[in-house]
PDB file of N, CA and C in Angstrom:
ATOM      1  N   UNK A   1      84.144 117.513  90.036  1.00  0.00           N
ATOM      2  CA  UNK A   1      85.408 117.295  90.705  1.00  0.00           C
ATOM      3  C   UNK A   1      86.507 118.044  89.947  1.00  0.00           C
ATOM      4  N   UNK A   2      87.478 118.535  90.689  1.00  0.00           N
ATOM      5  CA  UNK A   2      88.632 119.255  90.150  1.00  0.00           C
ATOM      6  C   UNK A   2      89.894 118.479  90.506  1.00  0.00           C
ATOM      7  N   UNK A   3      90.760 118.314  89.533  1.00  0.00           N
ATOM      8  CA  UNK A   3      92.061 117.704  89.784  1.00  0.00           C
ATOM      9  C   UNK A   3      93.102 118.816  89.777  1.00  0.00           C
ATOM     10  N   UNK A   4      93.740 119.010  90.913  1.00  0.00           N
ATOM     11  CA  UNK A   4      94.852 119.945  91.020  1.00  0.00           C
ATOM     12  C   UNK A   4      96.112 119.164  90.706  1.00  0.00           C
ATOM     13  N   UNK A   5      96.912 119.685  89.775  1.00  0.00           N
ATOM     14  CA  UNK A   5      98.177 119.061  89.399  1.00  0.00           C
ATOM     15  C   UNK A   5      99.288 120.064  89.713  1.00  0.00           C
ATOM     16  N   UNK A   6     100.233 119.637  90.536  1.00  0.00           N
ATOM     17  CA  UNK A   6     101.316 120.518  90.965  1.00  0.00           C
ATOM     18  C   UNK A   6     102.645 119.872  90.592  1.00  0.00           C
ATOM     19  N   UNK A   7     103.456 120.578  89.817  1.00  0.00           N
ATOM     20  CA  UNK A   7     104.797 120.113  89.483  1.00  0.00           C
ATOM     21  C   UNK A   7     105.754 120.793  90.453  1.00  0.00           C
ATOM     22  N   UNK A   8     106.490 119.968  91.192  1.00  0.00           N
ATOM     23  CA  UNK A   8     107.398 120.453  92.224  1.00  0.00           C
ATOM     24  C   UNK A   8     108.837 120.104  91.871  1.00  0.00           C
ATOM     25  N   UNK A   9     109.673 121.110  91.798  1.00  0.00           N
ATOM     26  CA  UNK A   9     111.119 120.886  91.677  1.00  0.00           C
ATOM     27  C   UNK A   9     111.689 121.030  93.091  1.00  0.00           C
ATOM     28  N   UNK A  10     112.419 120.025  93.533  1.00  0.00           N
ATOM     29  CA  UNK A  10     112.960 119.996  94.887  1.00  0.00           C
ATOM     30  C   UNK A  10     114.478 120.221  94.819  1.00  0.00           C
ATOM     31  N   UNK A  11     114.991 120.980  95.761  1.00  0.00           N
ATOM     32  CA  UNK A  11     116.421 121.275  95.784  1.00  0.00           C
ATOM     33  C   UNK A  11     117.219 119.975  95.789  1.00  0.00           C
ATOM     34  N   UNK A  12     118.233 119.885  94.930  1.00  0.00           N
ATOM     35  CA  UNK A  12     119.064 118.680  94.889  1.00  0.00           C
ATOM     36  C   UNK A  12     119.631 118.348  96.267  1.00  0.00           C
ATOM     37  N   UNK A  13     119.615 117.062  96.582  1.00  0.00           N
ATOM     38  CA  UNK A  13     120.156 116.604  97.845  1.00  0.00           C
ATOM     39  C   UNK A  13     119.179 116.651  99.009  1.00  0.00           C
ATOM     40  N   UNK A  14     117.953 117.112  98.761  1.00  0.00           N
ATOM     41  CA  UNK A  14     117.001 117.213  99.874  1.00  0.00           C
ATOM     42  C   UNK A  14     115.720 116.415  99.629  1.00  0.00           C
ATOM     43  N   UNK A  15     115.755 115.486  98.672  1.00  0.00           N
ATOM     44  CA  UNK A  15     114.529 114.754  98.346  1.00  0.00           C
ATOM     45  C   UNK A  15     114.066 113.841  99.493  1.00  0.00           C
ATOM     46  N   UNK A  16     114.982 113.212 100.203  1.00  0.00           N
ATOM     47  CA  UNK A  16     114.585 112.338 101.312  1.00  0.00           C
ATOM     48  C   UNK A  16     113.898 113.146 102.406  1.00  0.00           C
ATOM     49  N   UNK A  17     114.455 114.307 102.723  1.00  0.00           N
ATOM     50  CA  UNK A  17     113.849 115.165 103.736  1.00  0.00           C
ATOM     51  C   UNK A  17     112.496 115.692 103.266  1.00  0.00           C
ATOM     52  N   UNK A  18     112.397 116.045 101.976  1.00  0.00           N
ATOM     53  CA  UNK A  18     111.125 116.499 101.415  1.00  0.00           C
ATOM     54  C   UNK A  18     110.069 115.405 101.547  1.00  0.00           C
ATOM     55  N   UNK A  19     110.412 114.191 101.180  1.00  0.00           N
ATOM     56  CA  UNK A  19     109.448 113.088 101.245  1.00  0.00           C
ATOM     57  C   UNK A  19     108.981 112.849 102.679  1.00  0.00           C
ATOM     58  N   UNK A  20     109.877 112.976 103.637  1.00  0.00           N
ATOM     59  CA  UNK A  20     109.507 112.825 105.037  1.00  0.00           C
ATOM     60  C   UNK A  20     108.561 113.950 105.475  1.00  0.00           C
ATOM     61  N   UNK A  21     108.868 115.168 105.082  1.00  0.00           N
ATOM     62  CA  UNK A  21     108.009 116.307 105.414  1.00  0.00           C
ATOM     63  C   UNK A  21     106.658 116.183 104.718  1.00  0.00           C
ATOM     64  N   UNK A  22     106.659 115.658 103.487  1.00  0.00           N
ATOM     65  CA  UNK A  22     105.398 115.514 102.770  1.00  0.00           C
ATOM     66  C   UNK A  22     104.471 114.516 103.462  1.00  0.00           C
ATOM     67  N   UNK A  23     105.028 113.502 104.104  1.00  0.00           N
ATOM     68  CA  UNK A  23     104.195 112.540 104.830  1.00  0.00           C
ATOM     69  C   UNK A  23     103.347 113.250 105.881  1.00  0.00           C
ATOM     70  N   UNK A  24     103.886 114.309 106.491  1.00  0.00           N
ATOM     71  CA  UNK A  24     103.126 115.116 107.454  1.00  0.00           C
ATOM     72  C   UNK A  24     102.193 116.084 106.729  1.00  0.00           C
ATOM     73  N   UNK A  25     102.693 116.730 105.672  1.00  0.00           N
ATOM     74  CA  UNK A  25     101.901 117.719 104.938  1.00  0.00           C
ATOM     75  C   UNK A  25     100.696 117.073 104.260  1.00  0.00           C
ATOM     76  N   UNK A  26     100.849 115.838 103.832  1.00  0.00           N
ATOM     77  CA  UNK A  26      99.746 115.108 103.183  1.00  0.00           C
ATOM     78  C   UNK A  26      98.533 115.020 104.103  1.00  0.00           C
ATOM     79  N   UNK A  27      98.771 114.852 105.400  1.00  0.00           N
ATOM     80  CA  UNK A  27      97.682 114.753 106.367  1.00  0.00           C
ATOM     81  C   UNK A  27      96.925 116.070 106.495  1.00  0.00           C
ATOM     82  N   UNK A  28      97.630 117.177 106.326  1.00  0.00           N
ATOM     83  CA  UNK A  28      96.979 118.485 106.384  1.00  0.00           C
ATOM     84  C   UNK A  28      95.998 118.622 105.223  1.00  0.00           C
ATOM     85  N   UNK A  29      96.452 118.320 104.011  1.00  0.00           N
ATOM     86  CA  UNK A  29      95.568 118.413 102.838  1.00  0.00           C
ATOM     87  C   UNK A  29      94.390 117.463 102.996  1.00  0.00           C
ATOM     88  N   UNK A  30      94.666 116.247 103.407  1.00  0.00           N
ATOM     89  CA  UNK A  30      93.613 115.235 103.517  1.00  0.00           C
ATOM     90  C   UNK A  30      92.528 115.631 104.509  1.00  0.00           C
ATOM     91  N   UNK A  31      92.878 116.458 105.491  1.00  0.00           N
ATOM     92  CA  UNK A  31      91.906 116.859 106.507  1.00  0.00           C
ATOM     93  C   UNK A  31      91.002 118.008 106.058  1.00  0.00           C
ATOM     94  N   UNK A  32      91.294 118.599 104.907  1.00  0.00           N
ATOM     95  CA  UNK A  32      90.550 119.782 104.475  1.00  0.00           C
ATOM     96  C   UNK A  32      89.198 119.409 103.872  1.00  0.00           C
ATOM     97  N   UNK A  33      88.161 120.178 104.194  1.00  0.00           N
ATOM     98  CA  UNK A  33      86.860 119.939 103.565  1.00  0.00           C
ATOM     99  C   UNK A  33      86.989 120.021 102.036  1.00  0.00           C
ATOM    100  N   UNK A  34      86.405 119.068 101.357  1.00  0.00           N
ATOM    101  CA  UNK A  34      86.438 119.057  99.894  1.00  0.00           C
ATOM    102  C   UNK A  34      87.599 118.299  99.290  1.00  0.00           C
ATOM    103  N   UNK A  35      88.592 117.928 100.104  1.00  0.00           N
ATOM    104  CA  UNK A  35      89.702 117.126  99.574  1.00  0.00           C
ATOM    105  C   UNK A  35      89.262 115.675  99.536  1.00  0.00           C
ATOM    106  N   UNK A  36      89.280 115.103  98.346  1.00  0.00           N
ATOM    107  CA  UNK A  36      88.839 113.728  98.172  1.00  0.00           C
ATOM    108  C   UNK A  36      89.998 112.741  98.296  1.00  0.00           C
ATOM    109  N   UNK A  37      91.171 113.108  97.766  1.00  0.00           N
ATOM    110  CA  UNK A  37      92.371 112.284  97.922  1.00  0.00           C
ATOM    111  C   UNK A  37      93.563 113.033  97.361  1.00  0.00           C
ATOM    112  N   UNK A  38      94.768 112.591  97.726  1.00  0.00           N
ATOM    113  CA  UNK A  38      95.990 113.195  97.179  1.00  0.00           C
ATOM    114  C   UNK A  38      97.029 112.115  96.972  1.00  0.00           C
ATOM    115  N   UNK A  39      97.919 112.387  96.050  1.00  0.00           N
ATOM    116  CA  UNK A  39      98.922 111.393  95.653  1.00  0.00           C
ATOM    117  C   UNK A  39     100.172 112.124  95.172  1.00  0.00           C
ATOM    118  N   UNK A  40     101.326 111.686  95.626  1.00  0.00           N
ATOM    119  CA  UNK A  40     102.599 112.261  95.209  1.00  0.00           C
ATOM    120  C   UNK A  40     103.351 111.235  94.387  1.00  0.00           C
ATOM    121  N   UNK A  41     103.860 111.654  93.230  1.00  0.00           N
ATOM    122  CA  UNK A  41     104.639 110.780  92.348  1.00  0.00           C
ATOM    123  C   UNK A  41     106.022 111.402  92.134  1.00  0.00           C
ATOM    124  N   UNK A  42     107.040 110.557  92.111  1.00  0.00           N
ATOM    125  CA  UNK A  42     108.418 111.007  91.866  1.00  0.00           C
ATOM    126  C   UNK A  42     108.808 110.664  90.437  1.00  0.00           C
ATOM    127  N   UNK A  43     109.454 111.599  89.765  1.00  0.00           N
ATOM    128  CA  UNK A  43     109.885 111.392  88.380  1.00  0.00           C
ATOM    129  C   UNK A  43     111.068 110.421  88.336  1.00  0.00           C
ATOM    130  N   UNK A  44     110.995 109.481  87.431  1.00  0.00           N
ATOM    131  CA  UNK A  44     112.067 108.489  87.276  1.00  0.00           C
ATOM    132  C   UNK A  44     113.292 109.138  86.624  1.00  0.00           C
ATOM    133  N   UNK A  45     113.064 109.913  85.569  1.00  0.00           N
ATOM    134  CA  UNK A  45     114.181 110.506  84.816  1.00  0.00           C
ATOM    135  C   UNK A  45     114.820 111.701  85.522  1.00  0.00           C
ATOM    136  N   UNK A  46     114.037 112.446  86.284  1.00  0.00           N
ATOM    137  CA  UNK A  46     114.533 113.631  86.993  1.00  0.00           C
ATOM    138  C   UNK A  46     114.191 113.457  88.468  1.00  0.00           C
ATOM    139  N   UNK A  47     115.085 112.861  89.253  1.00  0.00           N
ATOM    140  CA  UNK A  47     114.747 112.437  90.618  1.00  0.00           C
ATOM    141  C   UNK A  47     114.370 113.547  91.593  1.00  0.00           C
ATOM    142  N   UNK A  48     114.655 114.802  91.251  1.00  0.00           N
ATOM    143  CA  UNK A  48     114.240 115.877  92.168  1.00  0.00           C
ATOM    144  C   UNK A  48     112.948 116.559  91.689  1.00  0.00           C
ATOM    145  N   UNK A  49     112.225 115.919  90.764  1.00  0.00           N
ATOM    146  CA  UNK A  49     110.939 116.446  90.294  1.00  0.00           C
ATOM    147  C   UNK A  49     109.821 115.510  90.751  1.00  0.00           C
ATOM    148  N   UNK A  50     108.758 116.118  91.250  1.00  0.00           N
ATOM    149  CA  UNK A  50     107.594 115.393  91.743  1.00  0.00           C
ATOM    150  C   UNK A  50     106.335 115.989  91.132  1.00  0.00           C
ATOM    151  N   UNK A  51     105.294 115.178  91.079  1.00  0.00           N
ATOM    152  CA  UNK A  51     103.970 115.674  90.704  1.00  0.00           C
ATOM    153  C   UNK A  51     103.015 115.302  91.831  1.00  0.00           C
ATOM    154  N   UNK A  52     102.287 116.314  92.281  1.00  0.00           N
ATOM    155  CA  UNK A  52     101.268 116.121  93.307  1.00  0.00           C
ATOM    156  C   UNK A  52      99.904 116.210  92.639  1.00  0.00           C
ATOM    157  N   UNK A  53      99.081 115.210  92.854  1.00  0.00           N
ATOM    158  CA  UNK A  53      97.698 115.198  92.374  1.00  0.00           C
ATOM    159  C   UNK A  53      96.788 115.327  93.584  1.00  0.00           C
ATOM    160  N   UNK A  54      95.908 116.313  93.563  1.00  0.00           N
ATOM    161  CA  UNK A  54      94.923 116.458  94.638  1.00  0.00           C
ATOM    162  C   UNK A  54      93.546 116.552  93.992  1.00  0.00           C
ATOM    163  N   UNK A  55      92.679 115.658  94.377  1.00  0.00           N
ATOM    164  CA  UNK A  55      91.297 115.667  93.891  1.00  0.00           C
ATOM    165  C   UNK A  55      90.453 116.467  94.874  1.00  0.00           C
ATOM    166  N   UNK A  56      89.833 117.526  94.361  1.00  0.00           N
ATOM    167  CA  UNK A  56      88.984 118.399  95.170  1.00  0.00           C
ATOM    168  C   UNK A  56      87.546 118.287  94.688  1.00  0.00           C
ATOM    169  N   UNK A  57      86.615 118.475  95.593  1.00  0.00           N
ATOM    170  CA  UNK A  57      85.203 118.486  95.231  1.00  0.00           C
ATOM    171  C   UNK A  57      84.900 119.669  94.310  1.00  0.00           C
ATOM    172  N   UNK A  58      85.553 120.829  94.573  1.00  0.00           N
ATOM    173  CA  UNK A  58      85.343 122.022  93.747  1.00  0.00           C
ATOM    174  C   UNK A  58      86.614 122.864  93.739  1.00  0.00           C
ATOM    175  N   UNK A  59      86.704 123.766  92.783  1.00  0.00           N
ATOM    176  CA  UNK A  59      87.835 124.685  92.707  1.00  0.00           C
ATOM    177  C   UNK A  59      87.867 125.576  93.952  1.00  0.00           C
ATOM    178  N   UNK A  60      86.700 125.985  94.409  1.00  0.00           N
ATOM    179  CA  UNK A  60      86.612 126.826  95.602  1.00  0.00           C
ATOM    180  C   UNK A  60      87.154 126.112  96.847  1.00  0.00           C
ATOM    181  N   UNK A  61      86.922 124.797  96.937  1.00  0.00           N
ATOM    182  CA  UNK A  61      87.471 124.054  98.071  1.00  0.00           C
ATOM    183  C   UNK A  61      88.988 124.188  98.132  1.00  0.00           C
ATOM    184  N   UNK A  62      89.628 124.230  96.982  1.00  0.00           N
ATOM    185  CA  UNK A  62      91.080 124.393  96.960  1.00  0.00           C
ATOM    186  C   UNK A  62      91.487 125.849  97.138  1.00  0.00           C
ATOM    187  N   UNK A  63      90.980 126.707  96.257  1.00  0.00           N
ATOM    188  CA  UNK A  63      91.467 128.084  96.194  1.00  0.00           C
ATOM    189  C   UNK A  63      91.051 128.955  97.386  1.00  0.00           C
ATOM    190  N   UNK A  64      89.900 128.680  97.951  1.00  0.00           N
ATOM    191  CA  UNK A  64      89.436 129.454  99.105  1.00  0.00           C
ATOM    192  C   UNK A  64      89.577 128.636 100.385  1.00  0.00           C
ATOM    193  N   UNK A  65      88.947 127.449 100.389  1.00  0.00           N
ATOM    194  CA  UNK A  65      88.936 126.633 101.596  1.00  0.00           C
ATOM    195  C   UNK A  65      90.314 126.245 102.088  1.00  0.00           C
ATOM    196  N   UNK A  66      91.212 125.892 101.175  1.00  0.00           N
ATOM    197  CA  UNK A  66      92.560 125.495 101.584  1.00  0.00           C
ATOM    198  C   UNK A  66      93.551 126.645 101.484  1.00  0.00           C
ATOM    199  N   UNK A  67      93.647 127.286 100.345  1.00  0.00           N
ATOM    200  CA  UNK A  67      94.683 128.305 100.134  1.00  0.00           C
ATOM    201  C   UNK A  67      94.548 129.510 101.055  1.00  0.00           C
ATOM    202  N   UNK A  68      93.353 129.782 101.536  1.00  0.00           N
ATOM    203  CA  UNK A  68      93.151 130.923 102.428  1.00  0.00           C
ATOM    204  C   UNK A  68      93.042 130.505 103.897  1.00  0.00           C
ATOM    205  N   UNK A  69      93.437 129.281 104.188  1.00  0.00           N
ATOM    206  CA  UNK A  69      93.291 128.749 105.551  1.00  0.00           C
ATOM    207  C   UNK A  69      94.621 128.786 106.306  1.00  0.00           C
ATOM    208  N   UNK A  70      94.549 128.717 107.633  1.00  0.00           N
ATOM    209  CA  UNK A  70      95.778 128.572 108.430  1.00  0.00           C
ATOM    210  C   UNK A  70      96.506 127.262 108.119  1.00  0.00           C
ATOM    211  N   UNK A  71      95.760 126.240 107.701  1.00  0.00           N
ATOM    212  CA  UNK A  71      96.386 124.956 107.377  1.00  0.00           C
ATOM    213  C   UNK A  71      97.317 125.081 106.170  1.00  0.00           C
ATOM    214  N   UNK A  72      96.979 125.960 105.223  1.00  0.00           N
ATOM    215  CA  UNK A  72      97.861 126.164 104.076  1.00  0.00           C
ATOM    216  C   UNK A  72      99.202 126.721 104.539  1.00  0.00           C
ATOM    217  N   UNK A  73      99.164 127.634 105.495  1.00  0.00           N
ATOM    218  CA  UNK A  73     100.417 128.192 106.016  1.00  0.00           C
ATOM    219  C   UNK A  73     101.261 127.101 106.680  1.00  0.00           C
ATOM    220  N   UNK A  74     100.614 126.183 107.388  1.00  0.00           N
ATOM    221  CA  UNK A  74     101.329 125.058 107.995  1.00  0.00           C
ATOM    222  C   UNK A  74     101.930 124.168 106.908  1.00  0.00           C
ATOM    223  N   UNK A  75     101.139 123.863 105.879  1.00  0.00           N
ATOM    224  CA  UNK A  75     101.585 123.032 104.764  1.00  0.00           C
ATOM    225  C   UNK A  75     102.804 123.661 104.097  1.00  0.00           C
ATOM    226  N   UNK A  76     102.697 124.952 103.833  1.00  0.00           N
ATOM    227  CA  UNK A  76     103.781 125.669 103.155  1.00  0.00           C
ATOM    228  C   UNK A  76     105.036 125.729 104.033  1.00  0.00           C
ATOM    229  N   UNK A  77     104.854 125.883 105.342  1.00  0.00           N
ATOM    230  CA  UNK A  77     106.002 125.923 106.247  1.00  0.00           C
ATOM    231  C   UNK A  77     106.733 124.585 106.271  1.00  0.00           C
ATOM    232  N   UNK A  78     105.997 123.490 106.164  1.00  0.00           N
ATOM    233  CA  UNK A  78     106.615 122.159 106.144  1.00  0.00           C
ATOM    234  C   UNK A  78     107.405 121.912 104.866  1.00  0.00           C
ATOM    235  N   UNK A  79     106.904 122.415 103.722  1.00  0.00           N
ATOM    236  CA  UNK A  79     107.476 122.037 102.428  1.00  0.00           C
ATOM    237  C   UNK A  79     108.218 123.139 101.682  1.00  0.00           C
ATOM    238  N   UNK A  80     107.856 124.377 101.916  1.00  0.00           N
ATOM    239  CA  UNK A  80     108.375 125.491 101.115  1.00  0.00           C
ATOM    240  C   UNK A  80     109.882 125.584 101.037  1.00  0.00           C
ATOM    241  N   UNK A  81     110.569 125.231 102.103  1.00  0.00           N
ATOM    242  CA  UNK A  81     112.024 125.317 102.109  1.00  0.00           C
ATOM    243  C   UNK A  81     112.713 124.320 101.184  1.00  0.00           C
ATOM    244  N   UNK A  82     111.980 123.330 100.718  1.00  0.00           N
ATOM    245  CA  UNK A  82     112.543 122.313  99.822  1.00  0.00           C
ATOM    246  C   UNK A  82     112.354 122.654  98.342  1.00  0.00           C
ATOM    247  N   UNK A  83     111.495 123.638  98.048  1.00  0.00           N
ATOM    248  CA  UNK A  83     111.193 123.962  96.650  1.00  0.00           C
ATOM    249  C   UNK A  83     112.372 124.643  95.979  1.00  0.00           C
ATOM    250  N   UNK A  84     112.663 124.216  94.758  1.00  0.00           N
ATOM    251  CA  UNK A  84     113.694 124.823  93.923  1.00  0.00           C
ATOM    252  C   UNK A  84     112.959 125.612  92.843  1.00  0.00           C
ATOM    253  N   UNK A  85     112.403 126.738  93.234  1.00  0.00           N
ATOM    254  CA  UNK A  85     111.565 127.533  92.337  1.00  0.00           C
ATOM    255  C   UNK A  85     110.101 127.347  92.699  1.00  0.00           C
ATOM    256  N   UNK A  86     109.280 128.202  92.134  1.00  0.00           N
ATOM    257  CA  UNK A  86     107.846 128.169  92.431  1.00  0.00           C
ATOM    258  C   UNK A  86     107.194 126.941  91.797  1.00  0.00           C
ATOM    259  N   UNK A  87     106.315 126.260  92.537  1.00  0.00           N
ATOM    260  CA  UNK A  87     105.584 125.127  91.951  1.00  0.00           C
ATOM    261  C   UNK A  87     104.654 125.597  90.831  1.00  0.00           C
ATOM    262  N   UNK A  88     104.473 124.745  89.838  1.00  0.00           N
ATOM    263  CA  UNK A  88     103.502 124.995  88.768  1.00  0.00           C
ATOM    264  C   UNK A  88     102.204 124.328  89.199  1.00  0.00           C
ATOM    265  N   UNK A  89     101.134 125.113  89.335  1.00  0.00           N
ATOM    266  CA  UNK A  89      99.835 124.596  89.786  1.00  0.00           C
ATOM    267  C   UNK A  89      98.802 124.836  88.703  1.00  0.00           C
ATOM    268  N   UNK A  90      98.122 123.759  88.317  1.00  0.00           N
ATOM    269  CA  UNK A  90      97.032 123.853  87.337  1.00  0.00           C
ATOM    270  C   UNK A  90      95.862 123.007  87.810  1.00  0.00           C
ATOM    271  N   UNK A  91      94.690 123.338  87.314  1.00  0.00           N
ATOM    272  CA  UNK A  91      93.464 122.632  87.679  1.00  0.00           C
ATOM    273  C   UNK A  91      92.829 122.039  86.426  1.00  0.00           C
ATOM    274  N   UNK A  92      92.305 120.834  86.556  1.00  0.00           N
ATOM    275  CA  UNK A  92      91.730 120.105  85.431  1.00  0.00           C
ATOM    276  C   UNK A  92      90.355 119.574  85.791  1.00  0.00           C
ATOM    277  N   UNK A  93      89.509 119.452  84.760  1.00  0.00           N
ATOM    278  CA  UNK A  93      88.220 118.792  84.921  1.00  0.00           C
ATOM    279  C   UNK A  93      88.157 117.635  83.953  1.00  0.00           C
ATOM    280  N   UNK A  94      87.442 116.594  84.337  1.00  0.00           N
ATOM    281  CA  UNK A  94      87.347 115.392  83.523  1.00  0.00           C
ATOM    282  C   UNK A  94      86.429 115.619  82.328  1.00  0.00           C
ATOM    283  N   UNK A  95      86.827 115.101  81.177  1.00  0.00           N
ATOM    284  CA  UNK A  95      85.993 115.104  79.977  1.00  0.00           C
ATOM    285  C   UNK A  95      85.296 113.767  79.930  1.00  0.00           C
ATOM    286  N   UNK A  96      84.006 113.784  79.985  1.00  0.00           N
ATOM    287  CA  UNK A  96      83.245 112.524  80.009  1.00  0.00           C
ATOM    288  C   UNK A  96      82.859 112.138  78.594  1.00  0.00           C
ATOM    289  N   UNK A  97      82.778 110.812  78.379  1.00  0.00           N
ATOM    290  CA  UNK A  97      82.318 110.312  77.082  1.00  0.00           C
ATOM    291  C   UNK A  97      83.455 110.084  76.183  1.00  0.00           C
TER     292      UNK A  97
END
């Protein structure tokens, strides 16, 4: 399993609209093959910063299956206008034991 971690800075004054748009965008990610679950968290200290966690079955499910799909373009169209700079995207694997 791969954990995608995305740090999102949202334009000041547009967090409510972003959260509403994300409710729709979340369904797009959830419908993708290999997406196990997703979760959005809002920063307490910096209210226009969010972290998105997406659990994928594999890195390829994210980077090819989602990022190269028409659904990614829909996702980006819903949310991209709210970003205050490029999102930071990293992938993690669990250390067992």
